[in-house]
C-alpha atoms as a PDB file:
ATOM      1  CA  UNK A   1      21.047  82.760  96.851  1.00  0.00           C
ATOM      2  CA  UNK A   2      21.912  83.157  93.194  1.00  0.00           C
ATOM      3  CA  UNK A   3      23.449  86.603  93.703  1.00  0.00           C
ATOM      4  CA  UNK A   4      25.859  85.161  96.305  1.00  0.00           C
ATOM      5  CA  UNK A   5      26.800  82.335  93.980  1.00  0.00           C
ATOM      6  CA  UNK A   6      27.296  84.737  90.978  1.00  0.00           C
ATOM      7  CA  UNK A   7      29.492  86.939  93.204  1.00  0.00           C
ATOM      8  CA  UNK A   8      31.650  83.972  94.245  1.00  0.00           C
ATOM      9  CA  UNK A   9      32.001  82.748  90.608  1.00  0.00           C
ATOM     10  CA  UNK A  10      33.092  86.274  89.527  1.00  0.00           C
ATOM     11  CA  UNK A  11      35.699  86.400  92.277  1.00  0.00           C
ATOM     12  CA  UNK A  12      36.990  82.957  91.281  1.00  0.00           C
ATOM     13  CA  UNK A  13      37.415  84.143  87.659  1.00  0.00           C
ATOM     14  CA  UNK A  14      39.468  87.175  88.920  1.00  0.00           C
ATOM     15  CA  UNK A  15      41.970  84.890  90.721  1.00  0.00           C
ATOM     16  CA  UNK A  16      45.340  84.180  89.137  1.00  0.00           C
ATOM     17  CA  UNK A  17      45.201  80.727  87.455  1.00  0.00           C
ATOM     18  CA  UNK A  18      48.097  79.413  89.569  1.00  0.00           C
ATOM     19  CA  UNK A  19      46.302  80.319  92.806  1.00  0.00           C
ATOM     20  CA  UNK A  20      42.798  79.360  91.684  1.00  0.00           C
ATOM     21  CA  UNK A  21      43.015  75.574  92.087  1.00  0.00           C
ATOM     22  CA  UNK A  22      44.784  75.790  95.455  1.00  0.00           C
ATOM     23  CA  UNK A  23      42.250  78.218  96.921  1.00  0.00           C
ATOM     24  CA  UNK A  24      39.239  76.366  95.560  1.00  0.00           C
ATOM     25  CA  UNK A  25      40.599  73.020  96.883  1.00  0.00           C
ATOM     26  CA  UNK A  26      41.121  74.454 100.369  1.00  0.00           C
ATOM     27  CA  UNK A  27      37.629  76.050 100.277  1.00  0.00           C
ATOM     28  CA  UNK A  28      36.039  72.732  99.185  1.00  0.00           C
ATOM     29  CA  UNK A  29      37.959  70.859 101.909  1.00  0.00           C
ATOM     30  CA  UNK A  30      36.681  73.271 104.520  1.00  0.00           C
ATOM     31  CA  UNK A  31      33.111  73.152 103.227  1.00  0.00           C
ATOM     32  CA  UNK A  32      32.957  69.341 102.948  1.00  0.00           C
ATOM     33  CA  UNK A  33      34.372  68.940 106.473  1.00  0.00           C
ATOM     34  CA  UNK A  34      31.588  71.208 107.775  1.00  0.00           C
ATOM     35  CA  UNK A  35      28.902  69.242 105.889  1.00  0.00           C
ATOM     36  CA  UNK A  36      30.411  65.896 107.128  1.00  0.00           C
ATOM     37  CA  UNK A  37      30.191  67.061 110.783  1.00  0.00           C
ATOM     38  CA  UNK A  38      26.644  68.333 110.385  1.00  0.00           C
ATOM     39  CA  UNK A  39      25.664  65.144 108.662  1.00  0.00           C
ATOM     40  CA  UNK A  40      27.011  63.059 111.480  1.00  0.00           C
ATOM     41  CA  UNK A  41      25.124  65.189 113.973  1.00  0.00           C
ATOM     42  CA  UNK A  42      21.942  64.672 111.949  1.00  0.00           C
ATOM     43  CA  UNK A  43      22.539  60.905 112.096  1.00  0.00           C
ATOM     44  CA  UNK A  44      22.853  61.114 115.855  1.00  0.00           C
ATOM     45  CA  UNK A  45      19.161  61.788 116.488  1.00  0.00           C
ATOM     46  CA  UNK A  46      18.374  65.013 114.599  1.00  0.00           C
ATOM     47  CA  UNK A  47      17.016  63.268 111.457  1.00  0.00           C
ATOM     48  CA  UNK A  48      17.733  59.544 112.010  1.00  0.00           C
ATOM     49  CA  UNK A  49      18.071  57.871 115.382  1.00  0.00           C
ATOM     50  CA  UNK A  50      21.164  55.857 116.156  1.00  0.00           C
ATOM     51  CA  UNK A  51      20.744  52.138 116.361  1.00  0.00           C
ATOM     52  CA  UNK A  52      24.178  50.652 115.720  1.00  0.00           C
ATOM     53  CA  UNK A  53      26.093  53.772 114.657  1.00  0.00           C
ATOM     54  CA  UNK A  54      27.384  52.044 111.514  1.00  0.00           C
ATOM     55  CA  UNK A  55      25.838  54.500 109.022  1.00  0.00           C
ATOM     56  CA  UNK A  56      27.231  57.522 110.897  1.00  0.00           C
ATOM     57  CA  UNK A  57      30.695  55.802 111.081  1.00  0.00           C
ATOM     58  CA  UNK A  58      30.621  55.258 107.326  1.00  0.00           C
ATOM     59  CA  UNK A  59      30.144  58.938 106.623  1.00  0.00           C
ATOM     60  CA  UNK A  60      33.236  60.774 105.354  1.00  0.00           C
ATOM     61  CA  UNK A  61      34.196  63.541 102.997  1.00  0.00           C
ATOM     62  CA  UNK A  62      36.703  63.710 100.109  1.00  0.00           C
ATOM     63  CA  UNK A  63      37.904  66.406  97.768  1.00  0.00           C
ATOM     64  CA  UNK A  64      39.678  65.683  94.561  1.00  0.00           C
ATOM     65  CA  UNK A  65      40.741  67.441  91.371  1.00  0.00           C
ATOM     66  CA  UNK A  66      40.184  66.091  87.844  1.00  0.00           C
ATOM     67  CA  UNK A  67      40.011  67.403  84.311  1.00  0.00           C
ATOM     68  CA  UNK A  68      36.592  69.067  84.969  1.00  0.00           C
ATOM     69  CA  UNK A  69      37.562  70.832  88.136  1.00  0.00           C
ATOM     70  CA  UNK A  70      37.577  70.282  91.902  1.00  0.00           C
ATOM     71  CA  UNK A  71      34.847  68.077  93.429  1.00  0.00           C
ATOM     72  CA  UNK A  72      33.820  67.569  97.003  1.00  0.00           C
ATOM     73  CA  UNK A  73      31.926  64.512  98.094  1.00  0.00           C
ATOM     74  CA  UNK A  74      30.253  63.749 101.419  1.00  0.00           C
ATOM     75  CA  UNK A  75      28.452  60.516 102.192  1.00  0.00           C
ATOM     76  CA  UNK A  76      28.572  56.906 103.161  1.00  0.00           C
ATOM     77  CA  UNK A  77      31.753  55.133 101.931  1.00  0.00           C
ATOM     78  CA  UNK A  78      33.193  58.031  99.896  1.00  0.00           C
ATOM     79  CA  UNK A  79      36.716  57.303 101.233  1.00  0.00           C
ATOM     80  CA  UNK A  80      36.597  53.529 101.560  1.00  0.00           C
ATOM     81  CA  UNK A  81      34.158  52.562  98.776  1.00  0.00           C
ATOM     82  CA  UNK A  82      32.262  50.592 101.378  1.00  0.00           C
ATOM     83  CA  UNK A  83      28.853  52.282 101.284  1.00  0.00           C
ATOM     84  CA  UNK A  84      26.341  51.070 103.894  1.00  0.00           C
ATOM     85  CA  UNK A  85      23.719  48.902 102.147  1.00  0.00           C
ATOM     86  CA  UNK A  86      20.837  50.855 103.714  1.00  0.00           C
ATOM     87  CA  UNK A  87      22.221  54.389 103.083  1.00  0.00           C
ATOM     88  CA  UNK A  88      20.161  54.960  99.966  1.00  0.00           C
ATOM     89  CA  UNK A  89      16.904  53.603 101.222  1.00  0.00           C
ATOM     90  CA  UNK A  90      16.955  56.021 104.217  1.00  0.00           C
ATOM     91  CA  UNK A  91      17.519  58.912 101.804  1.00  0.00           C
ATOM     92  CA  UNK A  92      15.014  58.096  99.117  1.00  0.00           C
ATOM     93  CA  UNK A  93      12.622  55.649 100.792  1.00  0.00           C
ATOM     94  CA  UNK A  94      11.180  52.616  99.054  1.00  0.00           C
ATOM     95  CA  UNK A  95      10.068  48.984  99.339  1.00  0.00           C
ATOM     96  CA  UNK A  96      12.306  46.300 100.746  1.00  0.00           C
ATOM     97  CA  UNK A  97      11.279  42.721  99.886  1.00  0.00           C
ATOM     98  CA  UNK A  98      12.524  39.408 101.014  1.00  0.00           C
ATOM     99  CA  UNK A  99      14.911  37.966  98.471  1.00  0.00           C
ATOM    100  CA  UNK A 100      17.079  35.223 100.116  1.00  0.00           C
ATOM    101  CA  UNK A 101      14.232  33.946 102.312  1.00  0.00           C
ATOM    102  CA  UNK A 102      10.460  33.837 102.123  1.00  0.00           C
ATOM    103  CA  UNK A 103      10.077  36.545 104.752  1.00  0.00           C
ATOM    104  CA  UNK A 104      11.855  39.505 106.262  1.00  0.00           C
ATOM    105  CA  UNK A 105      12.321  39.126 110.044  1.00  0.00           C
ATOM    106  CA  UNK A 106      11.354  42.448 111.670  1.00  0.00           C
ATOM    107  CA  UNK A 107      12.558  42.570 115.292  1.00  0.00           C
ATOM    108  CA  UNK A 108       9.950  43.373 117.951  1.00  0.00           C
ATOM    109  CA  UNK A 109      10.767  45.043 121.374  1.00  0.00           C
ATOM    110  CA  UNK A 110      11.983  41.884 123.057  1.00  0.00           C
ATOM    111  CA  UNK A 111      14.501  41.196 120.273  1.00  0.00           C
ATOM    112  CA  UNK A 112      15.951  44.753 120.283  1.00  0.00           C
ATOM    113  CA  UNK A 113      18.343  46.751 122.449  1.00  0.00           C
ATOM    114  CA  UNK A 114      17.214  50.021 124.031  1.00  0.00           C
ATOM    115  CA  UNK A 115      18.610  51.850 120.971  1.00  0.00           C
ATOM    116  CA  UNK A 116      16.480  49.666 118.663  1.00  0.00           C
ATOM    117  CA  UNK A 117      19.266  47.474 117.263  1.00  0.00           C
ATOM    118  CA  UNK A 118      18.665  43.725 116.981  1.00  0.00           C
ATOM    119  CA  UNK A 119      20.053  41.736 119.938  1.00  0.00           C
ATOM    120  CA  UNK A 120      21.080  38.824 117.747  1.00  0.00           C
ATOM    121  CA  UNK A 121      22.487  38.801 114.202  1.00  0.00           C
ATOM    122  CA  UNK A 122      19.741  36.422 112.931  1.00  0.00           C
ATOM    123  CA  UNK A 123      16.341  35.302 114.140  1.00  0.00           C
ATOM    124  CA  UNK A 124      17.492  31.706 114.100  1.00  0.00           C
ATOM    125  CA  UNK A 125      20.176  32.574 116.720  1.00  0.00           C
ATOM    126  CA  UNK A 126      17.443  32.583 119.419  1.00  0.00           C
ATOM    127  CA  UNK A 127      16.932  29.294 121.259  1.00  0.00           C
ATOM    128  CA  UNK A 128      13.508  27.665 121.833  1.00  0.00           C
ATOM    129  CA  UNK A 129      11.659  29.531 119.018  1.00  0.00           C
ATOM    130  CA  UNK A 130       8.810  28.627 116.749  1.00  0.00           C
ATOM    131  CA  UNK A 131       6.491  30.324 114.351  1.00  0.00           C
ATOM    132  CA  UNK A 132       3.045  31.327 115.495  1.00  0.00           C
ATOM    133  CA  UNK A 133       0.148  32.681 113.429  1.00  0.00           C
ATOM    134  CA  UNK A 134      -1.973  35.343 115.192  1.00  0.00           C
ATOM    135  CA  UNK A 135      -5.768  35.544 114.935  1.00  0.00           C
ATOM    136  CA  UNK A 136      -5.206  38.479 112.523  1.00  0.00           C
ATOM    137  CA  UNK A 137      -3.170  36.228 110.272  1.00  0.00           C
ATOM    138  CA  UNK A 138       0.306  37.705 111.028  1.00  0.00           C
ATOM    139  CA  UNK A 139       3.274  35.329 111.423  1.00  0.00           C
ATOM    140  CA  UNK A 140       5.470  35.813 114.501  1.00  0.00           C
ATOM    141  CA  UNK A 141       8.699  34.092 115.655  1.00  0.00           C
ATOM    142  CA  UNK A 142       8.177  33.581 119.408  1.00  0.00           C
ATOM    143  CA  UNK A 143      10.383  32.218 122.120  1.00  0.00           C
ATOM    144  CA  UNK A 144       9.142  29.630 124.605  1.00  0.00           C
ATOM    145  CA  UNK A 145      10.149  30.814 128.025  1.00  0.00           C
ATOM    146  CA  UNK A 146       9.191  28.807 131.129  1.00  0.00           C
ATOM    147  CA  UNK A 147       8.734  31.870 133.399  1.00  0.00           C
ATOM    148  CA  UNK A 148       7.105  34.266 130.921  1.00  0.00           C
ATOM    149  CA  UNK A 149       5.269  31.861 128.619  1.00  0.00           C
ATOM    150  CA  UNK A 150       5.926  32.841 125.050  1.00  0.00           C
ATOM    151  CA  UNK A 151       7.732  36.025 124.080  1.00  0.00           C
ATOM    152  CA  UNK A 152       7.139  37.539 120.581  1.00  0.00           C
ATOM    153  CA  UNK A 153      10.548  38.287 119.011  1.00  0.00           C
ATOM    154  CA  UNK A 154       9.957  38.990 115.322  1.00  0.00           C
ATOM    155  CA  UNK A 155       7.162  39.619 112.919  1.00  0.00           C
ATOM    156  CA  UNK A 156       7.505  38.029 109.467  1.00  0.00           C
ATOM    157  CA  UNK A 157       6.687  40.207 106.418  1.00  0.00           C
ATOM    158  CA  UNK A 158       7.122  39.635 102.711  1.00  0.00           C
ATOM    159  CA  UNK A 159       8.031  43.371 102.324  1.00  0.00           C
ATOM    160  CA  UNK A 160       8.107  46.634 104.173  1.00  0.00           C
ATOM    161  CA  UNK A 161       7.893  50.227 103.026  1.00  0.00           C
ATOM    162  CA  UNK A 162      10.697  52.498 104.337  1.00  0.00           C
ATOM    163  CA  UNK A 163       9.736  56.205 104.344  1.00  0.00           C
ATOM    164  CA  UNK A 164      12.208  58.645 102.806  1.00  0.00           C
ATOM    165  CA  UNK A 165      14.126  60.480 105.432  1.00  0.00           C
ATOM    166  CA  UNK A 166      16.274  62.692 103.186  1.00  0.00           C
ATOM    167  CA  UNK A 167      19.132  62.878 105.748  1.00  0.00           C
ATOM    168  CA  UNK A 168      21.694  63.821 103.013  1.00  0.00           C
ATOM    169  CA  UNK A 169      19.656  66.388 101.090  1.00  0.00           C
ATOM    170  CA  UNK A 170      18.250  67.946 104.286  1.00  0.00           C
ATOM    171  CA  UNK A 171      21.755  68.298 105.656  1.00  0.00           C
ATOM    172  CA  UNK A 172      22.913  69.984 102.420  1.00  0.00           C
ATOM    173  CA  UNK A 173      19.884  72.351 102.551  1.00  0.00           C
ATOM    174  CA  UNK A 174      20.739  73.202 106.140  1.00  0.00           C
ATOM    175  CA  UNK A 175      24.373  73.932 105.244  1.00  0.00           C
ATOM    176  CA  UNK A 176      23.811  75.753 101.974  1.00  0.00           C
ATOM    177  CA  UNK A 177      24.327  79.301 103.273  1.00  0.00           C
ATOM    178  CA  UNK A 178      27.291  78.254 105.428  1.00  0.00           C
ATOM    179  CA  UNK A 179      28.958  76.571 102.379  1.00  0.00           C
ATOM    180  CA  UNK A 180      28.652  79.791 100.406  1.00  0.00           C
ATOM    181  CA  UNK A 181      30.123  81.835 103.240  1.00  0.00           C
ATOM    182  CA  UNK A 182      33.039  79.467 103.517  1.00  0.00           C
ATOM    183  CA  UNK A 183      33.691  79.475  99.782  1.00  0.00           C
ATOM    184  CA  UNK A 184      33.440  83.267  99.695  1.00  0.00           C
ATOM    185  CA  UNK A 185      35.795  83.734 102.659  1.00  0.00           C
ATOM    186  CA  UNK A 186      38.449  81.501 101.140  1.00  0.00           C
ATOM    187  CA  UNK A 187      38.281  83.291  97.831  1.00  0.00           C
ATOM    188  CA  UNK A 188      38.448  86.724  99.533  1.00  0.00           C
END
C-alpha cells in the first residue's frame, strides 16, 4: 500500500549515500529474481499453458544502474534482446492478420501435439494435402489418408483475435506485496 511505499522511501533517504546504491541494487536483484520465478510458474499453466516452452525460456530479469537510478526489468528477452514475437500479444491481446500469405494456418487437433504445439513447422510440410471448403464456407487443409479417409489438419483464416491474458501485469500484481517486503527488509 502507499504507506508501505512511503515508509520504504523514507528509510532509503536516511541511508548513507555510499551505501544507498549498493543496498537498493541488491534489493532490486532479489525482487526481480522473485518476480522472474513467479512469472515462469505462471507461464507453466497458471495463466498460460505451455506449448513449446519458448516464451517461458525467454523470460529473464536484469538490474542496472544509470543516471536516473537503479532499474529492474523482468520479461521476454531482457537479457538477450531476443523478445519472443508473441510475448506482447499474449499480454495485451489483439488481432493477428495474415501478412506474408493470404491466410493464417491454424492447426487443428490432428496437426498438434498433446501440449497443443504444431507437429510440423509449416502446413506445407505435410504430405498428401489439399484445400477443402466446408458447407459452412470455411477453408481447411486436409490430408488424404488411405486408412482414415481425409484428416482435417488446419483451418485457414484471414485473421484471428487473441484475447489479452495479462501474464506480466497479473504476475506483478500477485508479487506486489512480496516486492515491498523484500525492498523493506534489504533497507532495514
